[in-house]
PDB file of all heavy atoms in Angstrom:
ATOM      1  N   ASP A   1      95.859  70.506 155.881  1.00  0.00           N
ATOM      2  CA  ASP A   1      96.662  69.290 156.082  1.00  0.00           C
ATOM      3  C   ASP A   1      95.970  68.177 155.327  1.00  0.00           C
ATOM      4  O   ASP A   1      94.877  67.752 155.677  1.00  0.00           O
ATOM      5  CB  ASP A   1      96.753  68.959 157.568  1.00  0.00           C
ATOM      6  CG  ASP A   1      97.621  67.733 157.848  1.00  0.00           C
ATOM      7  OD1 ASP A   1      98.062  67.067 156.873  1.00  0.00           O
ATOM      8  OD2 ASP A   1      97.848  67.450 159.027  1.00  0.00           O
ATOM      9  N   THR A   2      96.599  67.702 154.242  1.00  0.00           N
ATOM     10  CA  THR A   2      95.995  66.648 153.420  1.00  0.00           C
ATOM     11  C   THR A   2      96.513  65.262 153.761  1.00  0.00           C
ATOM     12  O   THR A   2      96.089  64.285 153.156  1.00  0.00           O
ATOM     13  CB  THR A   2      96.268  66.899 151.922  1.00  0.00           C
ATOM     14  OG1 THR A   2      97.659  66.755 151.678  1.00  0.00           O
ATOM     15  CG2 THR A   2      95.778  68.259 151.490  1.00  0.00           C
ATOM     16  N   GLY A   3      97.439  65.167 154.686  1.00  0.00           N
ATOM     17  CA  GLY A   3      98.079  63.889 154.955  1.00  0.00           C
ATOM     18  C   GLY A   3      99.316  63.708 154.105  1.00  0.00           C
ATOM     19  O   GLY A   3     100.255  63.027 154.504  1.00  0.00           O
ATOM     20  N   ILE A   4      99.367  64.318 152.928  1.00  0.00           N
ATOM     21  CA  ILE A   4     100.526  64.269 152.044  1.00  0.00           C
ATOM     22  C   ILE A   4     101.346  65.549 152.174  1.00  0.00           C
ATOM     23  O   ILE A   4     102.564  65.527 152.189  1.00  0.00           O
ATOM     24  CB  ILE A   4     100.094  64.060 150.576  1.00  0.00           C
ATOM     25  CG1 ILE A   4      99.353  62.729 150.445  1.00  0.00           C
ATOM     26  CG2 ILE A   4     101.280  64.134 149.634  1.00  0.00           C
ATOM     27  CD1 ILE A   4      98.710  62.518 149.091  1.00  0.00           C
ATOM     28  N   PHE A   5     100.656  66.678 152.245  1.00  0.00           N
ATOM     29  CA  PHE A   5     101.345  67.957 152.426  1.00  0.00           C
ATOM     30  C   PHE A   5     100.528  68.844 153.355  1.00  0.00           C
ATOM     31  O   PHE A   5      99.337  68.620 153.564  1.00  0.00           O
ATOM     32  CB  PHE A   5     101.600  68.665 151.077  1.00  0.00           C
ATOM     33  CG  PHE A   5     100.365  69.203 150.430  1.00  0.00           C
ATOM     34  CD1 PHE A   5      99.906  70.483 150.724  1.00  0.00           C
ATOM     35  CD2 PHE A   5      99.651  68.449 149.507  1.00  0.00           C
ATOM     36  CE1 PHE A   5      98.759  70.978 150.131  1.00  0.00           C
ATOM     37  CE2 PHE A   5      98.512  68.947 148.904  1.00  0.00           C
ATOM     38  CZ  PHE A   5      98.066  70.212 149.211  1.00  0.00           C
ATOM     39  N   THR A   6     101.201  69.831 153.904  1.00  0.00           N
ATOM     40  CA  THR A   6     100.542  70.842 154.733  1.00  0.00           C
ATOM     41  C   THR A   6     100.888  72.213 154.183  1.00  0.00           C
ATOM     42  O   THR A   6     101.902  72.383 153.494  1.00  0.00           O
ATOM     43  CB  THR A   6     100.981  70.760 156.208  1.00  0.00           C
ATOM     44  OG1 THR A   6     102.380  71.000 156.277  1.00  0.00           O
ATOM     45  CG2 THR A   6     100.655  69.417 156.811  1.00  0.00           C
ATOM     46  N   GLY A   7     100.049  73.174 154.477  1.00  0.00           N
ATOM     47  CA  GLY A   7     100.319  74.527 154.006  1.00  0.00           C
ATOM     48  C   GLY A   7      99.396  75.527 154.668  1.00  0.00           C
ATOM     49  O   GLY A   7      98.508  75.165 155.445  1.00  0.00           O
ATOM     50  N   THR A   8      99.638  76.772 154.343  1.00  0.00           N
ATOM     51  CA  THR A   8      98.817  77.853 154.861  1.00  0.00           C
ATOM     52  C   THR A   8      98.438  78.778 153.710  1.00  0.00           C
ATOM     53  O   THR A   8      99.141  78.835 152.690  1.00  0.00           O
ATOM     54  CB  THR A   8      99.552  78.680 155.937  1.00  0.00           C
ATOM     55  OG1 THR A   8     100.694  79.289 155.358  1.00  0.00           O
ATOM     56  CG2 THR A   8      99.978  77.813 157.105  1.00  0.00           C
ATOM     57  N   PHE A   9      97.320  79.480 153.872  1.00  0.00           N
ATOM     58  CA  PHE A   9      96.949  80.512 152.913  1.00  0.00           C
ATOM     59  C   PHE A   9      96.086  81.546 153.615  1.00  0.00           C
ATOM     60  O   PHE A   9      95.397  81.257 154.581  1.00  0.00           O
ATOM     61  CB  PHE A   9      96.236  79.922 151.683  1.00  0.00           C
ATOM     62  CG  PHE A   9      94.923  79.263 151.976  1.00  0.00           C
ATOM     63  CD1 PHE A   9      93.734  79.970 151.834  1.00  0.00           C
ATOM     64  CD2 PHE A   9      94.863  77.935 152.385  1.00  0.00           C
ATOM     65  CE1 PHE A   9      92.520  79.367 152.100  1.00  0.00           C
ATOM     66  CE2 PHE A   9      93.647  77.322 152.640  1.00  0.00           C
ATOM     67  CZ  PHE A   9      92.470  78.037 152.500  1.00  0.00           C
ATOM     68  N   ASP A  10      96.168  82.763 153.121  1.00  0.00           N
ATOM     69  CA  ASP A  10      95.393  83.875 153.664  1.00  0.00           C
ATOM     70  C   ASP A  10      94.420  84.372 152.599  1.00  0.00           C
ATOM     71  O   ASP A  10      94.653  84.198 151.401  1.00  0.00           O
ATOM     72  CB  ASP A  10      96.316  85.022 154.078  1.00  0.00           C
ATOM     73  CG  ASP A  10      97.247  84.632 155.218  1.00  0.00           C
ATOM     74  OD1 ASP A  10      96.857  83.774 156.027  1.00  0.00           O
ATOM     75  OD2 ASP A  10      98.353  85.181 155.293  1.00  0.00           O
ATOM     76  N   THR A  11      93.345  84.995 153.048  1.00  0.00           N
ATOM     77  CA  THR A  11      92.368  85.559 152.127  1.00  0.00           C
ATOM     78  C   THR A  11      92.076  87.004 152.510  1.00  0.00           C
ATOM     79  O   THR A  11      92.370  87.446 153.616  1.00  0.00           O
ATOM     80  CB  THR A  11      91.041  84.776 152.131  1.00  0.00           C
ATOM     81  OG1 THR A  11      90.383  84.971 153.391  1.00  0.00           O
ATOM     82  CG2 THR A  11      91.257  83.301 151.884  1.00  0.00           C
ATOM     83  N   THR A  12      91.479  87.709 151.570  1.00  0.00           N
ATOM     84  CA  THR A  12      90.971  89.057 151.784  1.00  0.00           C
ATOM     85  C   THR A  12      89.468  89.022 151.514  1.00  0.00           C
ATOM     86  O   THR A  12      89.033  88.402 150.541  1.00  0.00           O
ATOM     87  CB  THR A  12      91.637  90.058 150.827  1.00  0.00           C
ATOM     88  OG1 THR A  12      93.044  90.035 151.061  1.00  0.00           O
ATOM     89  CG2 THR A  12      91.124  91.457 151.030  1.00  0.00           C
ATOM     90  N   ARG A  13      88.687  89.691 152.379  1.00  0.00           N
ATOM     91  CA  ARG A  13      87.226  89.679 152.263  1.00  0.00           C
ATOM     92  C   ARG A  13      86.675  91.100 152.164  1.00  0.00           C
ATOM     93  O   ARG A  13      87.154  92.001 152.830  1.00  0.00           O
ATOM     94  CB  ARG A  13      86.588  89.065 153.512  1.00  0.00           C
ATOM     95  CG  ARG A  13      86.975  87.666 153.818  1.00  0.00           C
ATOM     96  CD  ARG A  13      86.421  87.276 155.172  1.00  0.00           C
ATOM     97  NE  ARG A  13      86.629  85.858 155.438  1.00  0.00           N
ATOM     98  CZ  ARG A  13      86.297  85.267 156.568  1.00  0.00           C
ATOM     99  NH1 ARG A  13      85.746  85.964 157.551  1.00  0.00           N
ATOM    100  NH2 ARG A  13      86.508  83.984 156.731  1.00  0.00           N
ATOM    101  N   TRP A  14      85.622  91.236 151.352  1.00  0.00           N
ATOM    102  CA  TRP A  14      84.817  92.461 151.293  1.00  0.00           C
ATOM    103  C   TRP A  14      83.358  92.059 151.402  1.00  0.00           C
ATOM    104  O   TRP A  14      82.930  91.083 150.780  1.00  0.00           O
ATOM    105  CB  TRP A  14      85.015  93.192 149.972  1.00  0.00           C
ATOM    106  CG  TRP A  14      86.261  93.994 149.898  1.00  0.00           C
ATOM    107  CD1 TRP A  14      87.436  93.628 149.308  1.00  0.00           C
ATOM    108  CD2 TRP A  14      86.465  95.296 150.437  1.00  0.00           C
ATOM    109  NE1 TRP A  14      88.357  94.624 149.451  1.00  0.00           N
ATOM    110  CE2 TRP A  14      87.786  95.668 150.142  1.00  0.00           C
ATOM    111  CE3 TRP A  14      85.658  96.181 151.145  1.00  0.00           C
ATOM    112  CZ2 TRP A  14      88.311  96.887 150.521  1.00  0.00           C
ATOM    113  CZ3 TRP A  14      86.182  97.402 151.523  1.00  0.00           C
ATOM    114  CH2 TRP A  14      87.502  97.745 151.204  1.00  0.00           C
ATOM    115  N   MET A  15      82.596  92.826 152.164  1.00  0.00           N
ATOM    116  CA  MET A  15      81.158  92.562 152.261  1.00  0.00           C
ATOM    117  C   MET A  15      80.415  93.890 152.329  1.00  0.00           C
ATOM    118  O   MET A  15      80.776  94.778 153.096  1.00  0.00           O
ATOM    119  CB  MET A  15      80.826  91.727 153.496  1.00  0.00           C
ATOM    120  CG  MET A  15      79.367  91.416 153.616  1.00  0.00           C
ATOM    121  SD  MET A  15      79.076  90.313 155.017  1.00  0.00           S
ATOM    122  CE  MET A  15      77.301  90.414 155.096  1.00  0.00           C
ATOM    123  N   ALA A  16      79.379  94.011 151.516  1.00  0.00           N
ATOM    124  CA  ALA A  16      78.471  95.156 151.564  1.00  0.00           C
ATOM    125  C   ALA A  16      77.068  94.598 151.722  1.00  0.00           C
ATOM    126  O   ALA A  16      76.694  93.624 151.059  1.00  0.00           O
ATOM    127  CB  ALA A  16      78.581  95.985 150.290  1.00  0.00           C
ATOM    128  N   ASP A  17      76.291  95.187 152.603  1.00  0.00           N
ATOM    129  CA  ASP A  17      74.943  94.703 152.903  1.00  0.00           C
ATOM    130  C   ASP A  17      74.028  95.912 153.075  1.00  0.00           C
ATOM    131  O   ASP A  17      74.293  96.778 153.909  1.00  0.00           O
ATOM    132  CB  ASP A  17      74.990  93.867 154.189  1.00  0.00           C
ATOM    133  CG  ASP A  17      73.666  93.217 154.545  1.00  0.00           C
ATOM    134  OD1 ASP A  17      72.687  93.350 153.796  1.00  0.00           O
ATOM    135  OD2 ASP A  17      73.621  92.562 155.602  1.00  0.00           O
ATOM    136  N   VAL A  18      72.963  95.979 152.268  1.00  0.00           N
ATOM    137  CA  VAL A  18      71.985  97.060 152.347  1.00  0.00           C
ATOM    138  C   VAL A  18      70.612  96.428 152.482  1.00  0.00           C
ATOM    139  O   VAL A  18      70.272  95.508 151.735  1.00  0.00           O
ATOM    140  CB  VAL A  18      72.041  97.966 151.099  1.00  0.00           C
ATOM    141  CG1 VAL A  18      70.997  99.068 151.177  1.00  0.00           C
ATOM    142  CG2 VAL A  18      73.425  98.556 150.924  1.00  0.00           C
ATOM    143  N   LYS A  19      69.820  96.935 153.435  1.00  0.00           N
ATOM    144  CA  LYS A  19      68.521  96.324 153.717  1.00  0.00           C
ATOM    145  C   LYS A  19      67.487  97.419 153.970  1.00  0.00           C
ATOM    146  O   LYS A  19      67.747  98.384 154.681  1.00  0.00           O
ATOM    147  CB  LYS A  19      68.657  95.419 154.930  1.00  0.00           C
ATOM    148  CG  LYS A  19      67.395  94.775 155.401  1.00  0.00           C
ATOM    149  CD  LYS A  19      67.635  93.777 156.525  1.00  0.00           C
ATOM    150  CE  LYS A  19      68.270  94.416 157.722  1.00  0.00           C
ATOM    151  NZ  LYS A  19      68.310  93.556 158.913  1.00  0.00           N
ATOM    152  N   LEU A  20      66.301  97.238 153.395  1.00  0.00           N
ATOM    153  CA  LEU A  20      65.153  98.113 153.624  1.00  0.00           C
ATOM    154  C   LEU A  20      64.051  97.265 154.248  1.00  0.00           C
ATOM    155  O   LEU A  20      63.605  96.287 153.646  1.00  0.00           O
ATOM    156  CB  LEU A  20      64.667  98.720 152.308  1.00  0.00           C
ATOM    157  CG  LEU A  20      63.459  99.635 152.372  1.00  0.00           C
ATOM    158  CD1 LEU A  20      63.802 100.918 153.124  1.00  0.00           C
ATOM    159  CD2 LEU A  20      62.958  99.957 150.978  1.00  0.00           C
ATOM    160  N   THR A  21      63.630  97.606 155.467  1.00  0.00           N
ATOM    161  CA  THR A  21      62.594  96.842 156.167  1.00  0.00           C
ATOM    162  C   THR A  21      61.727  97.782 156.986  1.00  0.00           C
ATOM    163  O   THR A  21      62.089  98.927 157.234  1.00  0.00           O
ATOM    164  CB  THR A  21      63.198  95.806 157.141  1.00  0.00           C
ATOM    165  OG1 THR A  21      64.013  96.472 158.091  1.00  0.00           O
ATOM    166  CG2 THR A  21      63.991  94.746 156.425  1.00  0.00           C
ATOM    167  N   GLY A  22      60.615  97.245 157.421  1.00  0.00           N
ATOM    168  CA  GLY A  22      59.774  98.015 158.333  1.00  0.00           C
ATOM    169  C   GLY A  22      58.302  97.790 158.108  1.00  0.00           C
ATOM    170  O   GLY A  22      57.874  96.871 157.406  1.00  0.00           O
ATOM    171  N   GLU A  23      57.559  98.668 158.713  1.00  0.00           N
ATOM    172  CA  GLU A  23      56.107  98.627 158.603  1.00  0.00           C
ATOM    173  C   GLU A  23      55.614 100.068 158.591  1.00  0.00           C
ATOM    174  O   GLU A  23      55.821 100.810 159.549  1.00  0.00           O
ATOM    175  CB  GLU A  23      55.523  97.873 159.796  1.00  0.00           C
ATOM    176  CG  GLU A  23      54.071  97.550 159.645  1.00  0.00           C
ATOM    177  CD  GLU A  23      53.597  96.623 160.745  1.00  0.00           C
ATOM    178  OE1 GLU A  23      53.875  95.422 160.659  1.00  0.00           O
ATOM    179  OE2 GLU A  23      52.955  97.139 161.682  1.00  0.00           O
ATOM    180  N   TRP A  24      54.964 100.451 157.495  1.00  0.00           N
ATOM    181  CA  TRP A  24      54.529 101.819 157.298  1.00  0.00           C
ATOM    182  C   TRP A  24      53.017 101.847 157.204  1.00  0.00           C
ATOM    183  O   TRP A  24      52.435 101.299 156.277  1.00  0.00           O
ATOM    184  CB  TRP A  24      55.166 102.351 156.029  1.00  0.00           C
ATOM    185  CG  TRP A  24      55.009 103.799 155.754  1.00  0.00           C
ATOM    186  CD1 TRP A  24      54.471 104.762 156.545  1.00  0.00           C
ATOM    187  CD2 TRP A  24      55.422 104.464 154.566  1.00  0.00           C
ATOM    188  NE1 TRP A  24      54.520 105.977 155.940  1.00  0.00           N
ATOM    189  CE2 TRP A  24      55.108 105.821 154.709  1.00  0.00           C
ATOM    190  CE3 TRP A  24      56.030 104.044 153.390  1.00  0.00           C
ATOM    191  CZ2 TRP A  24      55.379 106.765 153.724  1.00  0.00           C
ATOM    192  CZ3 TRP A  24      56.300 104.977 152.415  1.00  0.00           C
ATOM    193  CH2 TRP A  24      55.976 106.324 152.588  1.00  0.00           C
ATOM    194  N   GLN A  25      52.373 102.488 158.164  1.00  0.00           N
ATOM    195  CA  GLN A  25      50.914 102.580 158.220  1.00  0.00           C
ATOM    196  C   GLN A  25      50.481 103.720 157.302  1.00  0.00           C
ATOM    197  O   GLN A  25      50.656 104.894 157.625  1.00  0.00           O
ATOM    198  CB  GLN A  25      50.459 102.850 159.655  1.00  0.00           C
ATOM    199  CG  GLN A  25      48.969 102.796 159.858  1.00  0.00           C
ATOM    200  CD  GLN A  25      48.464 101.370 160.011  1.00  0.00           C
ATOM    201  OE1 GLN A  25      49.124 100.538 160.607  1.00  0.00           O
ATOM    202  NE2 GLN A  25      47.301 101.098 159.457  1.00  0.00           N
ATOM    203  N   LEU A  26      49.907 103.374 156.127  1.00  0.00           N
ATOM    204  CA  LEU A  26      49.489 104.396 155.167  1.00  0.00           C
ATOM    205  C   LEU A  26      48.164 105.041 155.566  1.00  0.00           C
ATOM    206  O   LEU A  26      47.977 106.238 155.407  1.00  0.00           O
ATOM    207  CB  LEU A  26      49.392 103.798 153.767  1.00  0.00           C
ATOM    208  CG  LEU A  26      50.708 103.264 153.186  1.00  0.00           C
ATOM    209  CD1 LEU A  26      50.472 102.643 151.829  1.00  0.00           C
ATOM    210  CD2 LEU A  26      51.748 104.359 153.100  1.00  0.00           C
ATOM    211  N   ASP A  27      47.227 104.217 156.038  1.00  0.00           N
ATOM    212  CA  ASP A  27      45.952 104.706 156.560  1.00  0.00           C
ATOM    213  C   ASP A  27      45.429 103.675 157.551  1.00  0.00           C
ATOM    214  O   ASP A  27      46.157 102.774 157.944  1.00  0.00           O
ATOM    215  CB  ASP A  27      44.951 105.018 155.439  1.00  0.00           C
ATOM    216  CG  ASP A  27      44.631 103.821 154.554  1.00  0.00           C
ATOM    217  OD1 ASP A  27      44.597 102.679 155.064  1.00  0.00           O
ATOM    218  OD2 ASP A  27      44.418 104.012 153.348  1.00  0.00           O
ATOM    219  N   GLU A  28      44.176 103.782 157.963  1.00  0.00           N
ATOM    220  CA  GLU A  28      43.638 102.880 158.985  1.00  0.00           C
ATOM    221  C   GLU A  28      43.668 101.416 158.582  1.00  0.00           C
ATOM    222  O   GLU A  28      43.776 100.532 159.431  1.00  0.00           O
ATOM    223  CB  GLU A  28      42.208 103.288 159.343  1.00  0.00           C
ATOM    224  CG  GLU A  28      42.115 104.572 160.121  1.00  0.00           C
ATOM    225  CD  GLU A  28      40.682 104.905 160.510  1.00  0.00           C
ATOM    226  OE1 GLU A  28      39.819 104.000 160.498  1.00  0.00           O
ATOM    227  OE2 GLU A  28      40.438 106.071 160.830  1.00  0.00           O
ATOM    228  N   THR A  29      43.557 101.128 157.297  1.00  0.00           N
ATOM    229  CA  THR A  29      43.480  99.731 156.849  1.00  0.00           C
ATOM    230  C   THR A  29      44.653  99.276 155.987  1.00  0.00           C
ATOM    231  O   THR A  29      44.745  98.099 155.664  1.00  0.00           O
ATOM    232  CB  THR A  29      42.183  99.502 156.050  1.00  0.00           C
ATOM    233  OG1 THR A  29      42.169 100.386 154.920  1.00  0.00           O
ATOM    234  CG2 THR A  29      40.961  99.732 156.920  1.00  0.00           C
ATOM    235  N   THR A  30      45.541 100.182 155.615  1.00  0.00           N
ATOM    236  CA  THR A  30      46.615  99.830 154.685  1.00  0.00           C
ATOM    237  C   THR A  30      47.975  99.965 155.369  1.00  0.00           C
ATOM    238  O   THR A  30      48.322 101.031 155.874  1.00  0.00           O
ATOM    239  CB  THR A  30      46.587 100.735 153.444  1.00  0.00           C
ATOM    240  OG1 THR A  30      45.284 100.724 152.886  1.00  0.00           O
ATOM    241  CG2 THR A  30      47.591 100.260 152.414  1.00  0.00           C
ATOM    242  N   VAL A  31      48.710  98.855 155.350  1.00  0.00           N
ATOM    243  CA  VAL A  31      50.062  98.837 155.910  1.00  0.00           C
ATOM    244  C   VAL A  31      51.022  98.363 154.821  1.00  0.00           C
ATOM    245  O   VAL A  31      50.804  97.327 154.205  1.00  0.00           O
ATOM    246  CB  VAL A  31      50.146  97.894 157.133  1.00  0.00           C
ATOM    247  CG1 VAL A  31      51.570  97.839 157.654  1.00  0.00           C
ATOM    248  CG2 VAL A  31      49.195  98.338 158.220  1.00  0.00           C
ATOM    249  N   LEU A  32      52.070  99.118 154.589  1.00  0.00           N
ATOM    250  CA  LEU A  32      53.120  98.753 153.640  1.00  0.00           C
ATOM    251  C   LEU A  32      54.261  98.131 154.430  1.00  0.00           C
ATOM    252  O   LEU A  32      54.753  98.723 155.396  1.00  0.00           O
ATOM    253  CB  LEU A  32      53.595  99.994 152.884  1.00  0.00           C
ATOM    254  CG  LEU A  32      54.696  99.810 151.860  1.00  0.00           C
ATOM    255  CD1 LEU A  32      54.213  98.935 150.712  1.00  0.00           C
ATOM    256  CD2 LEU A  32      55.153 101.166 151.343  1.00  0.00           C
ATOM    257  N   THR A  33      54.677  96.917 154.054  1.00  0.00           N
ATOM    258  CA  THR A  33      55.786  96.235 154.743  1.00  0.00           C
ATOM    259  C   THR A  33      56.901  95.919 153.749  1.00  0.00           C
ATOM    260  O   THR A  33      57.006  94.805 153.248  1.00  0.00           O
ATOM    261  CB  THR A  33      55.304  94.943 155.439  1.00  0.00           C
ATOM    262  OG1 THR A  33      54.678  94.114 154.458  1.00  0.00           O
ATOM    263  CG2 THR A  33      54.349  95.226 156.553  1.00  0.00           C
ATOM    264  N   PRO A  34      57.740  96.904 153.454  1.00  0.00           N
ATOM    265  CA  PRO A  34      58.815  96.670 152.488  1.00  0.00           C
ATOM    266  C   PRO A  34      59.878  95.733 153.050  1.00  0.00           C
ATOM    267  O   PRO A  34      60.192  95.763 154.240  1.00  0.00           O
ATOM    268  CB  PRO A  34      59.393  98.071 152.265  1.00  0.00           C
ATOM    269  CG  PRO A  34      59.091  98.797 153.516  1.00  0.00           C
ATOM    270  CD  PRO A  34      57.779  98.242 154.013  1.00  0.00           C
ATOM    271  N   LYS A  35      60.386  94.873 152.164  1.00  0.00           N
ATOM    272  CA  LYS A  35      61.501  93.986 152.497  1.00  0.00           C
ATOM    273  C   LYS A  35      62.355  93.858 151.247  1.00  0.00           C
ATOM    274  O   LYS A  35      61.958  93.238 150.279  1.00  0.00           O
ATOM    275  CB  LYS A  35      61.008  92.609 152.936  1.00  0.00           C
ATOM    276  CG  LYS A  35      60.310  92.623 154.258  1.00  0.00           C
ATOM    277  CD  LYS A  35      59.948  91.235 154.712  1.00  0.00           C
ATOM    278  CE  LYS A  35      59.246  91.350 156.047  1.00  0.00           C
ATOM    279  NZ  LYS A  35      58.922  90.070 156.611  1.00  0.00           N
ATOM    280  N   LEU A  36      63.512  94.471 151.316  1.00  0.00           N
ATOM    281  CA  LEU A  36      64.444  94.438 150.199  1.00  0.00           C
ATOM    282  C   LEU A  36      65.845  94.349 150.774  1.00  0.00           C
ATOM    283  O   LEU A  36      66.186  95.083 151.701  1.00  0.00           O
ATOM    284  CB  LEU A  36      64.301  95.709 149.352  1.00  0.00           C
ATOM    285  CG  LEU A  36      65.259  95.859 148.172  1.00  0.00           C
ATOM    286  CD1 LEU A  36      64.979  94.787 147.125  1.00  0.00           C
ATOM    287  CD2 LEU A  36      65.137  97.238 147.575  1.00  0.00           C
ATOM    288  N   ARG A  37      66.646  93.431 150.248  1.00  0.00           N
ATOM    289  CA  ARG A  37      68.010  93.274 150.754  1.00  0.00           C
ATOM    290  C   ARG A  37      68.945  92.929 149.608  1.00  0.00           C
ATOM    291  O   ARG A  37      68.631  92.094 148.758  1.00  0.00           O
ATOM    292  CB  ARG A  37      68.062  92.174 151.807  1.00  0.00           C
ATOM    293  CG  ARG A  37      69.413  92.064 152.470  1.00  0.00           C
ATOM    294  CD  ARG A  37      69.391  91.136 153.639  1.00  0.00           C
ATOM    295  NE  ARG A  37      70.654  91.181 154.356  1.00  0.00           N
ATOM    296  CZ  ARG A  37      70.957  90.393 155.340  1.00  0.00           C
ATOM    297  NH1 ARG A  37      70.080  89.500 155.766  1.00  0.00           N
ATOM    298  NH2 ARG A  37      72.123  90.489 155.936  1.00  0.00           N
ATOM    299  N   ALA A  38      70.116  93.567 149.608  1.00  0.00           N
ATOM    300  CA  ALA A  38      71.164  93.265 148.638  1.00  0.00           C
ATOM    301  C   ALA A  38      72.458  93.032 149.412  1.00  0.00           C
ATOM    302  O   ALA A  38      72.827  93.840 150.264  1.00  0.00           O
ATOM    303  CB  ALA A  38      71.344  94.417 147.663  1.00  0.00           C
ATOM    304  N   VAL A  39      73.115  91.904 149.127  1.00  0.00           N
ATOM    305  CA  VAL A  39      74.361  91.555 149.804  1.00  0.00           C
ATOM    306  C   VAL A  39      75.418  91.232 148.751  1.00  0.00           C
ATOM    307  O   VAL A  39      75.151  90.496 147.806  1.00  0.00           O
ATOM    308  CB  VAL A  39      74.176  90.328 150.737  1.00  0.00           C
ATOM    309  CG1 VAL A  39      75.498  89.943 151.377  1.00  0.00           C
ATOM    310  CG2 VAL A  39      73.130  90.615 151.792  1.00  0.00           C
ATOM    311  N   TYR A  40      76.601  91.785 148.935  1.00  0.00           N
ATOM    312  CA  TYR A  40      77.754  91.455 148.104  1.00  0.00           C
ATOM    313  C   TYR A  40      78.833  90.913 149.031  1.00  0.00           C
ATOM    314  O   TYR A  40      79.147  91.529 150.051  1.00  0.00           O
ATOM    315  CB  TYR A  40      78.260  92.718 147.374  1.00  0.00           C
ATOM    316  CG  TYR A  40      79.597  92.504 146.713  1.00  0.00           C
ATOM    317  CD1 TYR A  40      79.682  91.870 145.489  1.00  0.00           C
ATOM    318  CD2 TYR A  40      80.773  92.927 147.317  1.00  0.00           C
ATOM    319  CE1 TYR A  40      80.915  91.664 144.866  1.00  0.00           C
ATOM    320  CE2 TYR A  40      82.002  92.723 146.719  1.00  0.00           C
ATOM    321  CZ  TYR A  40      82.066  92.095 145.495  1.00  0.00           C
ATOM    322  OH  TYR A  40      83.277  91.879 144.901  1.00  0.00           O
TER     323      TYR A  40
END
């Protein structure tokens, strides 16, 4: 509603989300903490 005209519209959405996370104990002193994310 713009004050001059009113209207309606619809949209279509797509979303893809992939994530790699965690904590991986390689040995007593080494921990790998991967963090990777891709979103469309």
